[in-house]
């Protein structure tokens, strides 16, 4: 006598095995990678890591990105936006950044924040962190007082913070 359940088992066994293998593969798959942490390092030649004697730049952000990735165990996408010799109140020396016009750091920050919000080169979403190193050119070359530099510096920090909060 023939077993009526044998045909049913033969038909469904491959389907059940395939479902079991797919479920195991899904459970073993690594979790999706979180989006990288976006860091904007902003400032003057100190941020650029300018080495005038070598006519080169070696920004501190190279090491900062490595250290953050090791500590946070997440990818950190670093954008360095800096203008050599520029201040918040003191324009850069013409040609010091390869540009044809002197610039103020405030305009460099505005450009980078707009680029991030519009989906520019590394954009699409705001920066998670912003590091600002600015003021030395205003204090030194621009002969400004610390009190005069403080308000524009606070304004840039507020601008960076509001761009991150609103995007």
Foldseek 3Di string as FASTA:
>chain_A
DDDPCPVVCVVCVVVVVVVVVVVVVVVPDDDDADDAAEEEEAEALQQQQDDPVVRHGDGPVVVVQVVCCVVVVHHYHYDYFYYYLAAQPRWRDQCSRPDRDTDHSLVSLVVVLVCQVVVHPPHPAAHPYYHYDHDPSCVPVVVDDPVVRVVSVVVSVVVSVVSNVPD
